[in-house]
Amino acid sequence: MSGSPQQIQYVVNQRVIPPLCNLLQQQDPQILQVCLDAIHNILKQTPEDSLETIVVEIEECGGLDKIEHLQTHTNREIYQQSYEIIEKYFSTENDDDDDISSVSQVPRNDEFTFGNNSTNQTVPETNHHFQF
C-alpha cells in the first residue's frame, strides 16, 4: 500500500487496519507480504503525534500477536518485515523489567546472599534453636 499521507489517513479512517490484521492468518506468502507492507507503510506515513493511536488499534484487534507469530515464518521476507515492524513500532526502549541496574546489589543486614565476593559479610545473631 502506498499513497499520499492524506490517502493513507483516509483508509485508516475507513477502518482498514482490523481487516489487514485478520489477513495475517492466511498461509499464502503473497497475501502476507502485501498485508505486512500495507501495515508497515501506514505506520511509516502516520505522523508522530498520531502513531500511538494506530499502534493501539493494531494491538487491540490482535494484529500484534499475528505479526509476532509471523516472526517464525519460513519465508525470510515475511520474517524480516514482521521483525522490522515489531522492532520499530512495538518494542519499548525503556522497559523497566529489563533494567537491572536499578536493583540494589548490597545485601541488607537481614539477607543472606550467594556468590558475593565481599569478605565483610555479617550474619545477624539470633537465638533460634532448631529441633529435629
N, C-alpha and C. Protein backbone atom coordinates (compact mmCIF):
# COMPACT_ATOMS: atom_id res chain seq x y z
N MET A 1 0.85 -1.16 0.00
CA MET A 1 0.00 0.00 0.00
C MET A 1 0.90 1.22 0.00
N SER A 2 0.66 2.07 -0.93
CA SER A 2 1.37 3.34 -0.94
C SER A 2 0.37 4.42 -1.33
N GLY A 3 0.72 5.61 -1.03
CA GLY A 3 -0.15 6.73 -1.34
C GLY A 3 0.29 7.94 -0.57
N SER A 4 -0.42 9.00 -0.77
CA SER A 4 -0.11 10.23 -0.05
C SER A 4 -0.53 10.07 1.41
N PRO A 5 0.02 10.91 2.28
CA PRO A 5 -0.42 10.85 3.68
C PRO A 5 -1.93 11.02 3.84
N GLN A 6 -2.54 11.85 3.00
CA GLN A 6 -3.99 12.05 3.06
C GLN A 6 -4.74 10.78 2.67
N GLN A 7 -4.25 10.08 1.64
CA GLN A 7 -4.90 8.84 1.22
C GLN A 7 -4.76 7.76 2.29
N ILE A 8 -3.59 7.69 2.88
CA ILE A 8 -3.38 6.69 3.94
C ILE A 8 -4.26 7.02 5.14
N GLN A 9 -4.36 8.28 5.50
CA GLN A 9 -5.24 8.66 6.61
C GLN A 9 -6.69 8.31 6.29
N TYR A 10 -7.09 8.48 5.04
CA TYR A 10 -8.46 8.15 4.64
C TYR A 10 -8.74 6.66 4.85
N VAL A 11 -7.85 5.79 4.38
CA VAL A 11 -8.11 4.35 4.53
C VAL A 11 -8.04 3.94 6.00
N VAL A 12 -7.19 4.59 6.78
CA VAL A 12 -7.15 4.30 8.22
C VAL A 12 -8.48 4.70 8.85
N ASN A 13 -9.02 5.85 8.47
CA ASN A 13 -10.32 6.30 8.99
C ASN A 13 -11.46 5.38 8.56
N GLN A 14 -11.27 4.67 7.46
CA GLN A 14 -12.27 3.71 6.99
C GLN A 14 -12.12 2.34 7.67
N ARG A 15 -11.25 2.27 8.67
CA ARG A 15 -11.04 1.08 9.50
C ARG A 15 -10.43 -0.08 8.71
N VAL A 16 -9.37 0.20 7.96
CA VAL A 16 -8.69 -0.83 7.17
C VAL A 16 -7.78 -1.71 8.03
N ILE A 17 -7.38 -1.25 9.19
CA ILE A 17 -6.39 -1.98 9.98
C ILE A 17 -6.91 -3.33 10.48
N PRO A 18 -8.10 -3.44 11.08
CA PRO A 18 -8.55 -4.77 11.51
C PRO A 18 -8.64 -5.80 10.38
N PRO A 19 -9.20 -5.46 9.21
CA PRO A 19 -9.20 -6.46 8.13
C PRO A 19 -7.78 -6.84 7.67
N LEU A 20 -6.88 -5.87 7.62
CA LEU A 20 -5.49 -6.19 7.26
C LEU A 20 -4.88 -7.16 8.27
N CYS A 21 -5.11 -6.89 9.53
CA CYS A 21 -4.57 -7.76 10.58
C CYS A 21 -5.19 -9.15 10.52
N ASN A 22 -6.48 -9.23 10.20
CA ASN A 22 -7.13 -10.54 10.08
C ASN A 22 -6.53 -11.36 8.95
N LEU A 23 -6.11 -10.70 7.89
CA LEU A 23 -5.50 -11.41 6.76
C LEU A 23 -4.12 -11.97 7.10
N LEU A 24 -3.54 -11.55 8.21
CA LEU A 24 -2.23 -12.07 8.61
C LEU A 24 -2.30 -13.52 9.08
N GLN A 25 -3.50 -14.09 9.10
CA GLN A 25 -3.66 -15.50 9.44
C GLN A 25 -3.58 -16.40 8.21
N GLN A 26 -3.57 -15.81 7.04
CA GLN A 26 -3.54 -16.57 5.79
C GLN A 26 -2.21 -17.30 5.64
N GLN A 27 -2.21 -18.33 4.82
CA GLN A 27 -1.00 -19.11 4.58
C GLN A 27 -0.23 -18.63 3.35
N ASP A 28 -0.90 -17.95 2.44
CA ASP A 28 -0.29 -17.52 1.19
C ASP A 28 0.74 -16.42 1.46
N PRO A 29 2.02 -16.68 1.14
CA PRO A 29 3.07 -15.68 1.40
C PRO A 29 2.84 -14.35 0.69
N GLN A 30 2.22 -14.37 -0.49
CA GLN A 30 1.98 -13.11 -1.19
C GLN A 30 0.96 -12.24 -0.45
N ILE A 31 -0.09 -12.88 0.06
CA ILE A 31 -1.09 -12.14 0.83
C ILE A 31 -0.44 -11.56 2.09
N LEU A 32 0.35 -12.38 2.76
CA LEU A 32 1.02 -11.93 3.98
C LEU A 32 1.95 -10.75 3.69
N GLN A 33 2.69 -10.84 2.60
CA GLN A 33 3.63 -9.78 2.25
C GLN A 33 2.90 -8.47 1.95
N VAL A 34 1.80 -8.56 1.21
CA VAL A 34 1.03 -7.35 0.88
C VAL A 34 0.47 -6.72 2.15
N CYS A 35 -0.06 -7.54 3.05
CA CYS A 35 -0.62 -7.01 4.30
C CYS A 35 0.45 -6.39 5.18
N LEU A 36 1.59 -7.07 5.31
CA LEU A 36 2.68 -6.51 6.12
C LEU A 36 3.19 -5.21 5.52
N ASP A 37 3.31 -5.17 4.18
CA ASP A 37 3.73 -3.93 3.52
C ASP A 37 2.75 -2.80 3.81
N ALA A 38 1.47 -3.11 3.73
CA ALA A 38 0.45 -2.08 3.97
C ALA A 38 0.53 -1.57 5.41
N ILE A 39 0.62 -2.49 6.36
CA ILE A 39 0.71 -2.08 7.77
C ILE A 39 1.97 -1.26 8.01
N HIS A 40 3.08 -1.72 7.44
CA HIS A 40 4.34 -1.00 7.62
C HIS A 40 4.26 0.40 7.01
N ASN A 41 3.69 0.52 5.83
CA ASN A 41 3.56 1.83 5.19
C ASN A 41 2.63 2.75 5.96
N ILE A 42 1.55 2.19 6.51
CA ILE A 42 0.65 3.01 7.33
C ILE A 42 1.41 3.55 8.53
N LEU A 43 2.17 2.69 9.18
CA LEU A 43 2.94 3.13 10.35
C LEU A 43 3.99 4.17 9.98
N LYS A 44 4.66 3.96 8.84
CA LYS A 44 5.70 4.91 8.41
C LYS A 44 5.12 6.28 8.05
N GLN A 45 3.94 6.29 7.44
CA GLN A 45 3.34 7.54 6.97
C GLN A 45 2.53 8.27 8.03
N THR A 46 2.27 7.62 9.14
CA THR A 46 1.47 8.25 10.18
C THR A 46 2.31 9.27 10.93
N PRO A 47 1.80 10.49 11.10
CA PRO A 47 2.55 11.49 11.86
C PRO A 47 2.82 11.00 13.29
N GLU A 48 3.91 11.44 13.83
CA GLU A 48 4.36 11.01 15.16
C GLU A 48 3.28 11.20 16.23
N ASP A 49 2.55 12.31 16.15
CA ASP A 49 1.53 12.58 17.18
C ASP A 49 0.30 11.68 17.06
N SER A 50 0.14 10.97 15.96
CA SER A 50 -0.99 10.06 15.77
C SER A 50 -0.58 8.59 15.79
N LEU A 51 0.70 8.34 15.88
CA LEU A 51 1.21 6.97 15.77
C LEU A 51 0.69 6.05 16.87
N GLU A 52 0.59 6.57 18.07
CA GLU A 52 0.13 5.74 19.20
C GLU A 52 -1.27 5.19 18.95
N THR A 53 -2.13 5.97 18.31
CA THR A 53 -3.49 5.52 18.01
C THR A 53 -3.47 4.31 17.08
N ILE A 54 -2.61 4.34 16.07
CA ILE A 54 -2.50 3.23 15.12
C ILE A 54 -1.93 2.01 15.82
N VAL A 55 -0.90 2.20 16.62
CA VAL A 55 -0.27 1.09 17.34
C VAL A 55 -1.29 0.41 18.26
N VAL A 56 -2.07 1.20 18.98
CA VAL A 56 -3.08 0.65 19.88
C VAL A 56 -4.15 -0.11 19.09
N GLU A 57 -4.56 0.43 17.96
CA GLU A 57 -5.56 -0.24 17.13
C GLU A 57 -5.05 -1.59 16.64
N ILE A 58 -3.79 -1.65 16.24
CA ILE A 58 -3.20 -2.92 15.81
C ILE A 58 -3.17 -3.91 16.97
N GLU A 59 -2.81 -3.44 18.15
CA GLU A 59 -2.77 -4.32 19.32
C GLU A 59 -4.16 -4.81 19.69
N GLU A 60 -5.14 -3.91 19.69
CA GLU A 60 -6.49 -4.27 20.13
C GLU A 60 -7.19 -5.26 19.21
N CYS A 61 -6.87 -5.24 17.92
CA CYS A 61 -7.53 -6.18 17.01
C CYS A 61 -6.75 -7.48 16.86
N GLY A 62 -5.71 -7.66 17.67
CA GLY A 62 -4.94 -8.90 17.63
C GLY A 62 -3.83 -8.90 16.60
N GLY A 63 -3.60 -7.78 15.97
CA GLY A 63 -2.58 -7.70 14.93
C GLY A 63 -1.17 -7.90 15.44
N LEU A 64 -0.89 -7.39 16.62
CA LEU A 64 0.46 -7.53 17.17
C LEU A 64 0.80 -9.00 17.39
N ASP A 65 -0.14 -9.76 17.94
CA ASP A 65 0.10 -11.19 18.15
C ASP A 65 0.36 -11.90 16.82
N LYS A 66 -0.39 -11.53 15.81
CA LYS A 66 -0.22 -12.17 14.49
C LYS A 66 1.11 -11.79 13.86
N ILE A 67 1.51 -10.54 14.02
CA ILE A 67 2.81 -10.10 13.49
C ILE A 67 3.93 -10.81 14.24
N GLU A 68 3.80 -10.92 15.55
CA GLU A 68 4.82 -11.64 16.33
C GLU A 68 4.92 -13.09 15.88
N HIS A 69 3.78 -13.71 15.62
CA HIS A 69 3.78 -15.10 15.15
C HIS A 69 4.49 -15.24 13.80
N LEU A 70 4.35 -14.23 12.96
CA LEU A 70 4.98 -14.28 11.64
C LEU A 70 6.51 -14.19 11.72
N GLN A 71 7.04 -13.85 12.88
CA GLN A 71 8.49 -13.85 13.03
C GLN A 71 9.06 -15.26 12.99
N THR A 72 8.20 -16.26 13.04
CA THR A 72 8.65 -17.65 12.93
C THR A 72 8.36 -18.22 11.54
N HIS A 73 7.90 -17.40 10.63
CA HIS A 73 7.54 -17.86 9.29
C HIS A 73 8.78 -18.33 8.53
N THR A 74 8.60 -19.33 7.69
CA THR A 74 9.73 -19.88 6.93
C THR A 74 10.18 -18.95 5.81
N ASN A 75 9.30 -18.09 5.32
CA ASN A 75 9.65 -17.14 4.27
C ASN A 75 10.47 -16.01 4.90
N ARG A 76 11.69 -15.86 4.44
CA ARG A 76 12.61 -14.89 5.03
C ARG A 76 12.10 -13.45 4.93
N GLU A 77 11.47 -13.09 3.82
CA GLU A 77 10.96 -11.72 3.66
C GLU A 77 9.84 -11.42 4.65
N ILE A 78 8.98 -12.40 4.88
CA ILE A 78 7.89 -12.22 5.84
C ILE A 78 8.46 -12.10 7.25
N TYR A 79 9.41 -12.96 7.56
CA TYR A 79 10.08 -12.88 8.86
C TYR A 79 10.70 -11.49 9.04
N GLN A 80 11.46 -11.03 8.04
CA GLN A 80 12.18 -9.76 8.13
C GLN A 80 11.22 -8.59 8.29
N GLN A 81 10.15 -8.58 7.50
CA GLN A 81 9.19 -7.48 7.58
C GLN A 81 8.50 -7.45 8.94
N SER A 82 8.09 -8.61 9.44
CA SER A 82 7.43 -8.64 10.75
C SER A 82 8.39 -8.23 11.85
N TYR A 83 9.64 -8.66 11.74
CA TYR A 83 10.65 -8.28 12.73
C TYR A 83 10.85 -6.76 12.74
N GLU A 84 10.95 -6.16 11.57
CA GLU A 84 11.16 -4.71 11.48
C GLU A 84 9.99 -3.93 12.08
N ILE A 85 8.77 -4.39 11.82
CA ILE A 85 7.59 -3.71 12.37
C ILE A 85 7.61 -3.78 13.89
N ILE A 86 7.87 -4.96 14.43
CA ILE A 86 7.90 -5.13 15.89
C ILE A 86 9.00 -4.26 16.49
N GLU A 87 10.19 -4.33 15.93
CA GLU A 87 11.32 -3.58 16.49
C GLU A 87 11.09 -2.08 16.47
N LYS A 88 10.57 -1.58 15.36
CA LYS A 88 10.45 -0.13 15.21
C LYS A 88 9.24 0.47 15.94
N TYR A 89 8.13 -0.26 15.95
CA TYR A 89 6.90 0.34 16.44
C TYR A 89 6.34 -0.27 17.73
N PHE A 90 6.79 -1.46 18.10
CA PHE A 90 6.18 -2.12 19.24
C PHE A 90 7.16 -2.48 20.36
N SER A 91 8.44 -2.29 20.15
CA SER A 91 9.37 -2.57 21.24
C SER A 91 9.55 -1.31 22.06
N THR A 92 9.78 -1.48 23.35
CA THR A 92 9.96 -0.33 24.22
C THR A 92 11.42 -0.23 24.59
N GLU A 93 11.98 0.95 24.42
CA GLU A 93 13.40 1.16 24.72
C GLU A 93 13.66 1.24 26.21
N ASN A 94 12.72 1.76 26.96
CA ASN A 94 12.92 1.95 28.39
C ASN A 94 12.09 0.96 29.19
N ASP A 95 12.23 -0.30 28.90
CA ASP A 95 11.48 -1.33 29.59
C ASP A 95 12.08 -1.54 30.97
N ASP A 96 11.34 -1.19 32.01
CA ASP A 96 11.85 -1.29 33.38
C ASP A 96 12.09 -2.72 33.81
N ASP A 97 11.38 -3.69 33.22
CA ASP A 97 11.57 -5.08 33.59
C ASP A 97 12.95 -5.59 33.21
N ASP A 98 13.53 -5.04 32.17
CA ASP A 98 14.83 -5.48 31.71
C ASP A 98 15.97 -4.69 32.32
N ASP A 99 15.67 -3.66 33.07
CA ASP A 99 16.70 -2.79 33.62
C ASP A 99 17.05 -3.25 35.02
N ILE A 100 18.13 -4.01 35.15
CA ILE A 100 18.53 -4.50 36.46
C ILE A 100 19.54 -3.59 37.12
N SER A 101 19.92 -2.51 36.44
CA SER A 101 20.91 -1.61 37.02
C SER A 101 20.35 -0.87 38.23
N SER A 102 19.04 -0.76 38.32
CA SER A 102 18.44 -0.06 39.45
C SER A 102 18.26 -0.95 40.67
N VAL A 103 18.52 -2.25 40.53
CA VAL A 103 18.37 -3.17 41.64
C VAL A 103 19.59 -3.08 42.53
N SER A 104 19.36 -2.96 43.80
CA SER A 104 20.47 -2.84 44.74
C SER A 104 21.21 -4.17 44.85
N GLN A 105 22.52 -4.12 44.77
CA GLN A 105 23.35 -5.31 44.89
C GLN A 105 23.94 -5.44 46.29
N VAL A 106 23.63 -4.50 47.17
CA VAL A 106 24.17 -4.52 48.52
C VAL A 106 23.15 -5.22 49.42
N PRO A 107 23.56 -6.31 50.09
CA PRO A 107 22.61 -7.01 50.94
C PRO A 107 22.31 -6.21 52.20
N ARG A 108 21.10 -6.36 52.66
CA ARG A 108 20.72 -5.74 53.92
C ARG A 108 21.18 -6.65 55.05
N ASN A 109 21.08 -6.19 56.28
CA ASN A 109 21.53 -6.98 57.43
C ASN A 109 20.74 -8.27 57.61
N ASP A 110 19.49 -8.30 57.17
CA ASP A 110 18.68 -9.49 57.37
C ASP A 110 18.65 -10.41 56.14
N GLU A 111 19.59 -10.21 55.20
CA GLU A 111 19.63 -11.01 53.99
C GLU A 111 20.90 -11.84 53.92
N PHE A 112 20.76 -13.00 53.33
CA PHE A 112 21.91 -13.84 53.04
C PHE A 112 22.04 -13.92 51.53
N THR A 113 23.24 -13.72 51.01
CA THR A 113 23.43 -13.73 49.57
C THR A 113 24.43 -14.79 49.18
N PHE A 114 24.27 -15.29 47.96
CA PHE A 114 25.18 -16.26 47.39
C PHE A 114 26.06 -15.58 46.36
N GLY A 115 27.29 -16.02 46.24
CA GLY A 115 28.15 -15.53 45.18
C GLY A 115 28.70 -14.15 45.41
N ASN A 116 28.57 -13.61 46.56
CA ASN A 116 29.10 -12.29 46.84
C ASN A 116 30.55 -12.44 47.26
N ASN A 117 31.45 -11.74 46.61
CA ASN A 117 32.88 -11.85 46.90
C ASN A 117 33.31 -11.00 48.08
N SER A 118 32.39 -10.30 48.68
CA SER A 118 32.74 -9.43 49.80
C SER A 118 33.13 -10.27 51.01
N THR A 119 34.20 -9.88 51.68
CA THR A 119 34.63 -10.59 52.89
C THR A 119 34.08 -9.91 54.13
N ASN A 120 33.35 -8.85 53.96
CA ASN A 120 32.81 -8.09 55.08
C ASN A 120 31.35 -8.41 55.32
N GLN A 121 30.98 -9.66 55.25
CA GLN A 121 29.58 -10.02 55.44
C GLN A 121 29.32 -10.29 56.91
N THR A 122 28.17 -9.88 57.33
CA THR A 122 27.76 -10.17 58.70
C THR A 122 26.48 -10.97 58.67
N VAL A 123 26.40 -11.90 59.58
CA VAL A 123 25.19 -12.70 59.72
C VAL A 123 24.54 -12.26 61.02
N PRO A 124 23.27 -11.92 60.96
CA PRO A 124 22.63 -11.45 62.19
C PRO A 124 22.60 -12.56 63.24
N GLU A 125 22.87 -12.17 64.46
CA GLU A 125 22.86 -13.14 65.55
C GLU A 125 21.44 -13.25 66.08
N THR A 126 20.99 -14.48 66.19
CA THR A 126 19.67 -14.73 66.75
C THR A 126 19.76 -15.92 67.67
N ASN A 127 18.79 -16.09 68.47
CA ASN A 127 18.75 -17.21 69.40
C ASN A 127 17.77 -18.27 68.93
N HIS A 128 17.81 -18.58 67.66
CA HIS A 128 16.93 -19.62 67.14
C HIS A 128 17.52 -20.98 67.45
N HIS A 129 16.70 -21.85 67.95
CA HIS A 129 17.11 -23.22 68.20
C HIS A 129 16.19 -24.13 67.41
N PHE A 130 16.79 -24.94 66.59
CA PHE A 130 16.02 -25.86 65.77
C PHE A 130 16.05 -27.24 66.40
N GLN A 131 14.92 -27.87 66.46
CA GLN A 131 14.85 -29.22 67.00
C GLN A 131 14.35 -30.13 65.89
N PHE A 132 15.03 -31.24 65.75
CA PHE A 132 14.66 -32.21 64.72
C PHE A 132 14.20 -33.49 65.35
